[in-house]
Protein backbone atom coordinates (compact mmCIF):
# COMPACT_ATOMS: atom_id res chain seq x y z
CA MET A 1 -60.07 178.72 67.20
CA VAL A 2 -63.00 180.88 68.33
CA THR A 3 -65.26 179.02 70.76
CA PRO A 4 -68.65 178.56 69.08
CA SER A 5 -71.71 179.97 70.78
CA SER A 6 -74.85 177.95 71.51
CA THR A 7 -76.97 181.07 70.93
CA CYS A 8 -78.19 181.51 67.39
CA ARG A 9 -78.67 185.02 66.08
CA ILE A 10 -81.76 185.37 63.88
CA VAL A 11 -80.88 188.42 61.80
CA GLU A 12 -84.01 188.82 59.68
CA THR A 13 -87.25 187.04 58.90
CA GLY A 14 -88.91 187.89 55.62
CA THR A 15 -87.24 190.98 54.16
CA ALA A 16 -86.85 191.27 50.37
CA HIS A 17 -83.57 192.47 48.84
CA PRO A 18 -81.89 192.57 45.43
CA GLY A 19 -79.96 189.42 44.57
CA PHE A 20 -76.51 190.95 44.79
CA TRP A 21 -77.26 192.11 48.35
CA ASN A 22 -78.62 188.71 49.38
CA MET A 23 -75.45 186.96 48.24
CA ALA A 24 -73.19 189.55 49.85
CA CYS A 25 -75.09 189.21 53.13
CA ASP A 26 -74.80 185.42 53.19
CA GLU A 27 -71.06 185.65 52.59
CA TRP A 28 -70.73 188.31 55.29
CA LEU A 29 -72.56 186.07 57.77
CA LEU A 30 -70.20 183.20 56.99
CA ASP A 31 -67.09 185.34 57.49
CA THR A 32 -68.55 186.91 60.64
CA ALA A 33 -69.11 183.46 62.16
CA LEU A 34 -65.42 182.73 61.64
CA GLN A 35 -64.62 185.78 63.74
CA ASN A 36 -67.17 185.54 66.56
CA GLY A 37 -68.27 181.87 66.58
CA GLN A 38 -71.98 182.71 66.55
CA PRO A 39 -74.43 180.69 64.46
CA THR A 40 -76.98 182.65 62.45
CA VAL A 41 -80.24 182.03 60.65
CA ARG A 42 -81.75 184.31 58.05
CA ILE A 43 -85.01 184.03 56.08
CA TYR A 44 -85.33 186.35 53.12
CA ALA A 45 -86.99 187.07 49.79
CA TRP A 46 -85.89 188.62 46.50
CA SER A 47 -87.09 192.08 45.52
CA ARG A 48 -87.31 191.08 41.85
CA PRO A 49 -86.95 187.84 39.89
CA THR A 50 -83.28 186.83 39.90
CA VAL A 51 -81.19 183.93 38.68
CA SER A 52 -78.46 182.67 40.99
CA LEU A 53 -75.79 180.52 39.38
CA GLY A 54 -74.02 177.78 41.29
CA TYR A 55 -70.43 178.60 42.13
CA PHE A 56 -69.00 176.41 39.37
CA GLN A 57 -71.57 177.15 36.65
CA GLN A 58 -70.61 179.02 33.51
CA PRO A 59 -72.24 182.44 33.00
CA ASP A 60 -73.81 181.21 29.74
CA ALA A 61 -75.48 178.19 31.39
CA LEU A 62 -78.96 179.57 30.69
CA GLU A 63 -78.34 181.62 27.56
CA SER A 64 -80.64 179.33 25.52
CA ASN A 65 -83.57 179.87 27.91
CA PRO A 66 -85.63 182.89 26.73
CA LEU A 67 -87.73 182.91 29.91
CA VAL A 68 -84.82 184.12 32.01
CA ALA A 69 -83.39 186.56 29.49
CA GLY A 70 -82.99 189.98 31.06
CA LEU A 71 -83.27 188.82 34.66
CA ASP A 72 -80.72 189.90 37.24
CA GLN A 73 -78.01 187.25 37.57
CA VAL A 74 -75.77 186.61 40.57
CA ARG A 75 -73.41 183.86 41.63
CA ARG A 76 -73.84 181.91 44.87
CA LEU A 77 -71.02 180.82 47.14
CA SER A 78 -72.46 177.31 47.02
CA GLY A 79 -72.48 174.83 44.17
CA GLY A 80 -75.36 173.18 42.38
CA GLY A 81 -77.61 174.33 39.57
CA ALA A 82 -79.07 177.71 38.76
CA ILE A 83 -82.17 178.85 40.63
CA VAL A 84 -84.84 181.26 39.43
CA HIS A 85 -85.70 183.11 42.64
CA HIS A 86 -89.18 184.57 42.44
CA HIS A 87 -92.04 183.24 44.56
CA GLU A 88 -90.18 181.62 47.43
CA TRP A 89 -88.70 181.95 50.89
CA THR A 90 -84.95 181.51 51.01
CA TYR A 91 -83.16 180.51 54.18
CA SER A 92 -79.53 180.64 55.12
CA CYS A 93 -77.94 179.23 58.24
CA VAL A 94 -74.30 179.52 59.23
CA VAL A 95 -72.72 176.91 61.48
CA PRO A 96 -69.47 178.20 63.03
CA ALA A 97 -66.29 176.17 63.12
CA GLY A 98 -66.25 173.86 66.12
CA ASP A 99 -70.02 173.57 66.39
CA PRO A 100 -71.04 169.87 66.47
CA ASN A 101 -73.35 170.43 63.51
CA THR A 102 -70.39 171.01 61.17
CA ALA A 103 -69.62 167.28 61.39
CA ARG A 104 -73.05 166.30 60.05
CA GLY A 105 -72.01 166.70 56.41
CA PRO A 106 -74.92 165.87 54.07
CA ASP A 107 -77.05 165.02 57.10
CA LEU A 108 -77.19 168.74 57.87
CA TYR A 109 -79.48 169.06 54.86
CA ASN A 110 -81.81 166.43 56.24
CA VAL A 111 -81.96 167.98 59.71
CA VAL A 112 -82.83 171.44 58.39
CA HIS A 113 -85.22 170.14 55.74
CA GLN A 114 -87.04 167.93 58.23
CA SER A 115 -87.49 170.91 60.56
CA ILE A 116 -89.21 172.84 57.76
CA ILE A 117 -91.38 169.83 56.88
CA ASP A 118 -92.40 169.50 60.53
CA GLU A 119 -93.30 173.20 60.73
CA LEU A 120 -95.45 172.94 57.60
CA VAL A 121 -97.20 169.85 58.98
CA THR A 122 -97.87 171.70 62.23
CA LEU A 123 -99.41 174.61 60.34
CA ALA A 124 -101.53 172.20 58.31
CA ASN A 125 -102.75 170.50 61.51
CA GLY A 126 -101.78 167.13 60.10
CA PRO A 127 -99.78 165.30 57.43
CA ILE A 128 -99.53 166.83 53.96
CA ALA A 129 -99.96 164.21 51.26
CA GLY A 130 -96.73 163.53 49.41
CA LEU A 131 -94.60 165.98 51.43
CA GLY A 132 -91.30 164.59 52.68
CA LEU A 133 -87.65 163.92 51.97
CA ARG A 134 -86.94 162.40 48.57
CA GLU A 135 -86.76 158.60 48.78
CA THR A 136 -85.14 157.83 45.42
CA VAL A 137 -82.88 159.76 43.05
CA ASP A 138 -83.58 159.41 39.35
CA GLY A 139 -79.90 159.34 38.38
CA SER A 140 -80.33 161.58 35.35
CA ASP A 141 -77.65 163.98 34.17
CA GLU A 142 -77.57 167.43 35.69
CA PRO A 143 -79.63 170.08 33.87
CA ALA A 144 -78.79 173.75 34.31
CA LEU A 145 -81.68 174.53 36.67
CA CYS A 146 -81.50 173.28 40.26
CA PHE A 147 -85.19 172.41 40.55
CA ALA A 148 -84.84 170.06 37.57
CA ARG A 149 -82.12 168.14 39.41
CA SER A 150 -82.65 165.27 41.81
CA ALA A 151 -80.76 164.90 45.10
CA ALA A 152 -81.35 162.60 48.05
CA GLU A 153 -81.70 165.58 50.40
CA ASP A 154 -84.49 167.31 48.46
CA VAL A 155 -87.91 167.98 49.92
CA VAL A 156 -90.63 166.88 47.52
CA CYS A 157 -94.39 167.11 47.39
CA GLY A 158 -95.44 164.14 45.34
CA LYS A 159 -93.08 164.14 42.36
CA HIS A 160 -92.31 167.86 42.60
CA LYS A 161 -89.21 169.28 44.28
CA VAL A 162 -90.21 172.16 46.55
CA LEU A 163 -87.04 172.67 48.60
CA GLY A 164 -83.41 172.24 47.69
CA SER A 165 -80.26 173.43 49.45
CA ALA A 166 -76.52 173.78 48.95
CA GLN A 167 -73.49 174.37 51.15
CA ARG A 168 -70.21 176.23 51.24
CA ARG A 169 -67.52 175.36 53.76
CA ARG A 170 -64.85 177.87 54.73
CA ARG A 171 -62.16 177.21 57.37
CA GLY A 172 -64.36 174.79 59.25
CA ALA A 173 -67.57 176.86 59.16
CA VAL A 174 -70.57 175.98 57.00
CA LEU A 175 -72.99 178.19 55.11
CA GLN A 176 -76.10 176.29 54.06
CA HIS A 177 -78.85 178.01 52.15
CA GLY A 178 -81.88 176.84 50.23
CA SER A 179 -85.09 177.85 48.49
CA LEU A 180 -88.59 176.85 49.53
CA LEU A 181 -90.71 177.24 46.39
CA LEU A 182 -94.14 178.73 47.10
CA ARG A 183 -95.61 178.90 43.60
CA SER A 184 -94.52 178.68 39.99
CA SER A 185 -92.88 181.59 38.21
CA THR A 186 -93.51 182.83 34.69
CA HIS A 187 -89.73 182.52 34.28
CA ALA A 188 -89.75 178.83 35.29
CA PRO A 189 -93.36 177.63 34.86
CA GLU A 190 -92.41 173.95 34.90
CA PHE A 191 -91.70 174.07 38.64
CA PHE A 192 -94.62 174.05 41.07
CA GLY A 193 -94.56 175.33 44.63
CA LEU A 194 -96.44 174.54 47.80
CA GLU A 195 -99.31 176.91 47.05
CA ASP A 196 -99.83 175.23 43.67
CA LEU A 197 -99.62 171.72 45.04
CA VAL A 198 -101.33 172.18 48.41
CA PRO A 199 -103.79 175.06 47.90
CA GLU A 200 -105.51 174.38 51.22
CA LEU A 201 -102.26 175.17 53.06
CA VAL A 202 -102.29 178.87 53.90
CA LEU A 203 -99.02 180.06 55.39
CA PRO A 204 -99.36 182.76 58.06
CA GLU A 205 -97.69 186.14 57.66
CA ASP A 206 -95.15 185.24 60.32
CA PHE A 207 -94.11 182.00 58.59
CA PRO A 208 -90.54 183.30 57.99
CA ARG A 209 -90.15 183.77 61.74
CA LEU A 210 -91.53 180.30 62.44
CA MET A 211 -89.23 178.84 59.80
CA ALA A 212 -86.18 180.53 61.32
CA GLN A 213 -87.06 179.31 64.80
CA ALA A 214 -87.63 175.76 63.55
CA ILE A 215 -84.23 175.65 61.84
CA ALA A 216 -82.41 177.01 64.89
CA ALA A 217 -84.18 174.61 67.25
CA SER A 218 -83.38 171.61 65.04
CA LEU A 219 -79.67 172.39 65.37
CA GLY A 220 -79.87 172.70 69.15
CA TRP A 221 -79.36 176.45 69.35
CA GLN A 222 -80.88 178.99 71.71
CA LEU A 223 -82.59 181.91 69.98
CA SER A 224 -81.61 185.57 69.91
CA HIS A 225 -83.41 187.96 67.55
CA LYS A 226 -80.99 190.74 66.61
CA PRO A 227 -81.52 192.66 63.35
CA ILE A 228 -78.59 193.70 61.21
CA SER A 229 -77.29 197.03 62.50
CA HIS A 230 -76.50 200.13 60.45
CA ALA A 231 -72.78 199.50 60.91
CA GLU A 232 -73.19 195.93 59.69
CA LEU A 233 -75.22 197.13 56.71
CA ARG A 234 -72.23 199.24 55.73
CA GLU A 235 -69.96 196.19 55.95
CA ILE A 236 -72.31 194.21 53.70
CA ALA A 237 -72.52 197.11 51.23
CA GLN A 238 -68.74 196.96 50.81
CA ARG A 239 -69.12 193.40 49.49
CA THR A 240 -71.90 194.03 47.00
CA ASP A 241 -69.53 194.80 44.15
CA LEU A 242 -68.39 191.15 44.39
CA HIS A 243 -71.89 189.98 43.48
CA PRO A 244 -72.97 192.13 40.51
CA GLY A 245 -76.36 191.69 38.96
CA GLY A 246 -78.62 194.12 40.77
C-alpha cells in the first residue's frame, strides 16, 4: 500500500467547468490518490446549469420535470439523488487509503460540513440563525432530487437544506463531494440557498480558497497549493468520454 501523505494538494479554488469535465476530474483525483497517497481538495463551479445523477439513479429519473429538460446531464461516482448544479460552490476531497480519515465513515461528512459552517460563521462575525447540522430526519421516501431528501449529515439553514454530500470508496480511498447552494435556480426554484436565506451574508471573492483551506485543516492536513498541470489536464481529458453530457 502507498504510504499516505499528510500534505493536502489544493488543485483549484473556484474555476467553472462543464459537468462532464468536473466528474472526470473528481474520478481522476480519486485514482491518482490510489497511486501517490496524496489527499486533495478541490472547489469548483459549473459553467452552465447541469444535472448530475446519483450513481444508481435511472437516466429517466427526472423525465417528468420540465424545468430540467434540455440541461446537460452527467452521472456522479457517488450515490444519492440528482442535483441541479447552478448557483453553488461544489467541493471534492479525496482521502487516500491508509489515511486515518478513511475510518470516519459517515462522520467524515460531519467533519467537513462543520468546517464549512465554521468558516461561514467566521465570515459573518457571529452565529448565523438556523445554520447547522440537521438534528432530525423526516423519514420520508426518497424523491429524485437530492435537495428534497433528508439526511442526518445535511447542513441546513432553518428548514432549508443548503449543503449535502455523498461518497465513493475505491480500494480503501474515499472521494467525498458536495454542493453548497448559494441561491435558487430557475431549474429548481423550490430550493433556497445561503444568499436567499441570509442576504446580509456577503461571501468574499476568495471564499472558494477559504473553503478549501477549512476542509483541509479539519482533516488534519498540511496545505500545498498546486494547480492541475497541462500533462494532468490531458489525463483528465482522456476520461471525459466516460461522463457524457457536455
